[in-house]
């Protein structure tokens, strides 16, 4: 059940991140979910490194959105560079 909850929250977080950063992105529904889930993981890792979260504590909703936006920026930079090079 935790996996389904994570996927659902990842979808919402990924969609919010894409709404906050409009533009064309390669990838669709699956990439949105993966960005949201990974954004949550990144936010949790950074939060634990900065001692904002305890070990095993999940990142908050806003922190997860910030993490997803950071990943979206990196994703666009990598994909944009590979498309312009080819």
N, C-alpha and C. Protein backbone atom coordinates (compact mmCIF):
# COMPACT_ATOMS: atom_id res chain seq x y z
N UNK A 1 0.82 -1.19 0.00
CA UNK A 1 0.00 0.00 0.00
C UNK A 1 0.87 1.26 0.00
N UNK A 2 2.02 1.19 0.67
CA UNK A 2 2.94 2.33 0.73
C UNK A 2 3.43 2.70 -0.66
N UNK A 3 3.69 1.70 -1.50
CA UNK A 3 4.16 1.94 -2.86
C UNK A 3 3.11 2.69 -3.68
N UNK A 4 1.84 2.29 -3.57
CA UNK A 4 0.78 2.99 -4.29
C UNK A 4 0.64 4.43 -3.81
N UNK A 5 0.75 4.64 -2.52
CA UNK A 5 0.69 5.98 -1.96
C UNK A 5 1.85 6.83 -2.49
N UNK A 6 3.04 6.26 -2.53
CA UNK A 6 4.22 6.97 -3.02
C UNK A 6 4.05 7.34 -4.49
N UNK A 7 3.53 6.43 -5.29
CA UNK A 7 3.31 6.71 -6.71
C UNK A 7 2.26 7.80 -6.88
N UNK A 8 1.19 7.75 -6.11
CA UNK A 8 0.14 8.76 -6.20
C UNK A 8 0.67 10.14 -5.81
N UNK A 9 1.38 10.22 -4.71
CA UNK A 9 1.96 11.50 -4.26
C UNK A 9 3.00 11.97 -5.28
N UNK A 10 3.80 11.05 -5.82
CA UNK A 10 4.78 11.40 -6.84
C UNK A 10 4.14 11.99 -8.07
N UNK A 11 2.99 11.46 -8.47
CA UNK A 11 2.26 12.01 -9.61
C UNK A 11 1.84 13.44 -9.33
N UNK A 12 1.30 13.69 -8.16
CA UNK A 12 0.86 15.04 -7.80
C UNK A 12 2.05 16.00 -7.74
N UNK A 13 3.12 15.58 -7.08
CA UNK A 13 4.30 16.44 -6.95
C UNK A 13 4.93 16.71 -8.32
N UNK A 14 5.04 15.70 -9.16
CA UNK A 14 5.58 15.89 -10.51
C UNK A 14 4.72 16.83 -11.34
N UNK A 15 3.40 16.69 -11.23
CA UNK A 15 2.50 17.58 -11.97
C UNK A 15 2.63 19.02 -11.49
N UNK A 16 2.72 19.22 -10.19
CA UNK A 16 2.87 20.58 -9.65
C UNK A 16 4.21 21.17 -10.10
N UNK A 17 5.26 20.37 -10.09
CA UNK A 17 6.57 20.86 -10.52
C UNK A 17 6.53 21.27 -11.99
N UNK A 18 5.85 20.49 -12.84
CA UNK A 18 5.75 20.85 -14.25
C UNK A 18 4.88 22.08 -14.44
N UNK A 19 3.86 22.26 -13.61
CA UNK A 19 3.04 23.47 -13.69
C UNK A 19 3.83 24.71 -13.30
N UNK A 20 4.71 24.57 -12.31
CA UNK A 20 5.52 25.70 -11.86
C UNK A 20 6.64 26.02 -12.83
N UNK A 21 7.04 25.06 -13.65
CA UNK A 21 8.09 25.26 -14.65
C UNK A 21 7.54 24.89 -16.02
N UNK A 22 6.75 25.80 -16.61
CA UNK A 22 6.16 25.45 -17.91
C UNK A 22 7.21 25.34 -18.99
N UNK A 23 6.86 24.64 -20.03
CA UNK A 23 7.76 24.42 -21.15
C UNK A 23 7.61 23.01 -21.66
N UNK A 24 8.19 22.77 -22.81
CA UNK A 24 8.10 21.43 -23.40
C UNK A 24 9.13 20.51 -22.76
N UNK A 25 8.65 19.39 -22.32
CA UNK A 25 9.51 18.38 -21.73
C UNK A 25 9.33 17.07 -22.48
N UNK A 26 10.42 16.44 -22.86
CA UNK A 26 10.29 15.10 -23.42
C UNK A 26 9.88 14.15 -22.31
N UNK A 27 8.95 13.32 -22.57
CA UNK A 27 8.46 12.41 -21.55
C UNK A 27 7.05 12.80 -21.17
N UNK A 28 6.32 11.87 -20.69
CA UNK A 28 4.92 12.13 -20.36
C UNK A 28 4.59 11.73 -18.95
N UNK A 29 3.54 10.97 -18.83
CA UNK A 29 2.96 10.58 -17.55
C UNK A 29 3.97 9.86 -16.66
N UNK A 30 4.68 8.90 -17.21
CA UNK A 30 5.63 8.12 -16.42
C UNK A 30 6.78 9.00 -15.93
N UNK A 31 7.29 9.87 -16.81
CA UNK A 31 8.39 10.76 -16.41
C UNK A 31 7.93 11.71 -15.30
N UNK A 32 6.67 12.17 -15.39
CA UNK A 32 6.12 13.03 -14.36
C UNK A 32 6.10 12.33 -13.00
N UNK A 33 5.65 11.09 -12.98
CA UNK A 33 5.62 10.32 -11.74
C UNK A 33 7.04 10.10 -11.21
N UNK A 34 7.95 9.72 -12.10
CA UNK A 34 9.33 9.46 -11.67
C UNK A 34 10.00 10.73 -11.13
N UNK A 35 9.75 11.87 -11.76
CA UNK A 35 10.30 13.13 -11.26
C UNK A 35 9.76 13.46 -9.88
N UNK A 36 8.49 13.23 -9.68
CA UNK A 36 7.89 13.49 -8.38
C UNK A 36 8.43 12.59 -7.29
N UNK A 37 8.53 11.30 -7.58
CA UNK A 37 9.07 10.36 -6.60
C UNK A 37 10.53 10.68 -6.31
N UNK A 38 11.31 10.89 -7.36
CA UNK A 38 12.73 11.21 -7.18
C UNK A 38 12.90 12.55 -6.47
N UNK A 39 12.02 13.52 -6.75
CA UNK A 39 12.08 14.81 -6.06
C UNK A 39 11.87 14.66 -4.58
N UNK A 40 10.99 13.77 -4.20
CA UNK A 40 10.75 13.49 -2.78
C UNK A 40 11.98 12.86 -2.14
N UNK A 41 12.60 11.94 -2.86
CA UNK A 41 13.81 11.28 -2.34
C UNK A 41 14.94 12.30 -2.20
N UNK A 42 15.13 13.14 -3.22
CA UNK A 42 16.18 14.17 -3.19
C UNK A 42 15.94 15.14 -2.04
N UNK A 43 14.70 15.58 -1.88
CA UNK A 43 14.38 16.52 -0.80
C UNK A 43 14.63 15.88 0.57
N UNK A 44 14.29 14.62 0.71
CA UNK A 44 14.55 13.93 1.97
C UNK A 44 16.03 13.80 2.26
N UNK A 45 16.80 13.48 1.23
CA UNK A 45 18.25 13.35 1.39
C UNK A 45 18.88 14.68 1.79
N UNK A 46 18.51 15.75 1.08
CA UNK A 46 19.05 17.08 1.39
C UNK A 46 18.59 17.52 2.78
N UNK A 47 17.34 17.26 3.10
CA UNK A 47 16.82 17.63 4.42
C UNK A 47 17.54 16.91 5.54
N UNK A 48 17.85 15.62 5.35
CA UNK A 48 18.59 14.88 6.38
C UNK A 48 20.03 15.38 6.47
N UNK A 49 20.62 15.74 5.32
CA UNK A 49 21.99 16.27 5.33
C UNK A 49 22.06 17.61 6.07
N UNK A 50 20.99 18.39 5.98
CA UNK A 50 20.93 19.68 6.66
C UNK A 50 20.31 19.57 8.06
N UNK A 51 20.04 18.35 8.50
CA UNK A 51 19.45 18.06 9.81
C UNK A 51 18.07 18.68 9.98
N UNK A 52 17.32 18.76 8.88
CA UNK A 52 15.93 19.22 8.95
C UNK A 52 14.99 18.05 9.19
N UNK A 53 15.39 16.85 8.77
CA UNK A 53 14.61 15.64 8.95
C UNK A 53 15.46 14.61 9.68
N UNK A 54 14.78 13.78 10.47
CA UNK A 54 15.46 12.67 11.13
C UNK A 54 15.58 11.49 10.16
N UNK A 55 16.44 10.56 10.47
CA UNK A 55 16.62 9.37 9.65
C UNK A 55 15.29 8.62 9.54
N UNK A 56 14.90 8.30 8.32
CA UNK A 56 13.66 7.58 8.09
C UNK A 56 12.44 8.47 7.95
N UNK A 57 12.58 9.76 8.20
CA UNK A 57 11.46 10.70 8.08
C UNK A 57 11.35 11.16 6.63
N UNK A 58 10.14 11.19 6.12
CA UNK A 58 9.91 11.60 4.73
C UNK A 58 9.95 13.12 4.61
N UNK A 59 10.29 13.57 3.44
CA UNK A 59 10.31 15.01 3.17
C UNK A 59 8.88 15.54 3.10
N UNK A 60 8.72 16.81 3.38
CA UNK A 60 7.42 17.44 3.30
C UNK A 60 7.00 17.68 1.86
N UNK A 61 5.75 18.06 1.68
CA UNK A 61 5.18 18.26 0.35
C UNK A 61 5.91 19.37 -0.40
N UNK A 62 6.11 20.51 0.24
CA UNK A 62 6.78 21.63 -0.42
C UNK A 62 8.24 21.31 -0.74
N UNK A 63 8.92 20.65 0.19
CA UNK A 63 10.31 20.26 -0.06
C UNK A 63 10.38 19.27 -1.22
N UNK A 64 9.40 18.39 -1.33
CA UNK A 64 9.37 17.43 -2.43
C UNK A 64 9.17 18.13 -3.76
N UNK A 65 8.35 19.17 -3.77
CA UNK A 65 8.14 19.94 -5.00
C UNK A 65 9.45 20.63 -5.40
N UNK A 66 10.15 21.21 -4.44
CA UNK A 66 11.43 21.86 -4.74
C UNK A 66 12.42 20.83 -5.28
N UNK A 67 12.46 19.65 -4.68
CA UNK A 67 13.34 18.58 -5.18
C UNK A 67 12.98 18.17 -6.59
N UNK A 68 11.67 18.07 -6.89
CA UNK A 68 11.24 17.70 -8.24
C UNK A 68 11.60 18.80 -9.24
N UNK A 69 11.49 20.06 -8.84
CA UNK A 69 11.86 21.16 -9.73
C UNK A 69 13.35 21.12 -10.03
N UNK A 70 14.16 20.85 -9.01
CA UNK A 70 15.61 20.73 -9.22
C UNK A 70 15.92 19.61 -10.22
N UNK A 71 15.24 18.49 -10.07
CA UNK A 71 15.45 17.38 -10.99
C UNK A 71 14.94 17.72 -12.40
N UNK A 72 13.85 18.47 -12.48
CA UNK A 72 13.33 18.87 -13.78
C UNK A 72 14.30 19.80 -14.50
N UNK A 73 14.93 20.71 -13.77
CA UNK A 73 15.94 21.59 -14.36
C UNK A 73 17.11 20.76 -14.88
N UNK A 74 17.58 19.82 -14.07
CA UNK A 74 18.69 18.95 -14.49
C UNK A 74 18.28 18.09 -15.68
N UNK A 75 17.08 17.57 -15.67
CA UNK A 75 16.57 16.73 -16.75
C UNK A 75 16.52 17.52 -18.06
N UNK A 76 16.01 18.75 -17.98
CA UNK A 76 15.95 19.59 -19.18
C UNK A 76 17.34 19.92 -19.70
N UNK A 77 18.29 20.15 -18.79
CA UNK A 77 19.66 20.48 -19.20
C UNK A 77 20.30 19.29 -19.91
N UNK A 78 20.13 18.10 -19.38
CA UNK A 78 20.74 16.91 -19.97
C UNK A 78 20.07 16.56 -21.28
N UNK A 79 18.74 16.52 -21.29
CA UNK A 79 18.01 16.16 -22.51
C UNK A 79 18.17 17.24 -23.58
N UNK A 80 18.17 18.51 -23.17
CA UNK A 80 18.35 19.60 -24.12
C UNK A 80 19.71 19.55 -24.78
N UNK A 81 20.75 19.24 -24.01
CA UNK A 81 22.10 19.13 -24.57
C UNK A 81 22.23 17.96 -25.51
N UNK A 82 21.60 16.84 -25.20
CA UNK A 82 21.73 15.67 -26.05
C UNK A 82 20.93 15.83 -27.35
N UNK A 83 19.81 16.58 -27.29
CA UNK A 83 19.03 16.79 -28.52
C UNK A 83 19.71 17.80 -29.44
N UNK A 84 20.35 18.82 -28.87
CA UNK A 84 21.01 19.82 -29.71
C UNK A 84 22.33 19.29 -30.29
N UNK A 85 22.93 18.30 -29.64
CA UNK A 85 24.19 17.74 -30.12
C UNK A 85 23.95 16.78 -31.29
N UNK A 86 22.76 16.19 -31.34
CA UNK A 86 22.50 15.16 -32.36
C UNK A 86 21.90 15.67 -33.54
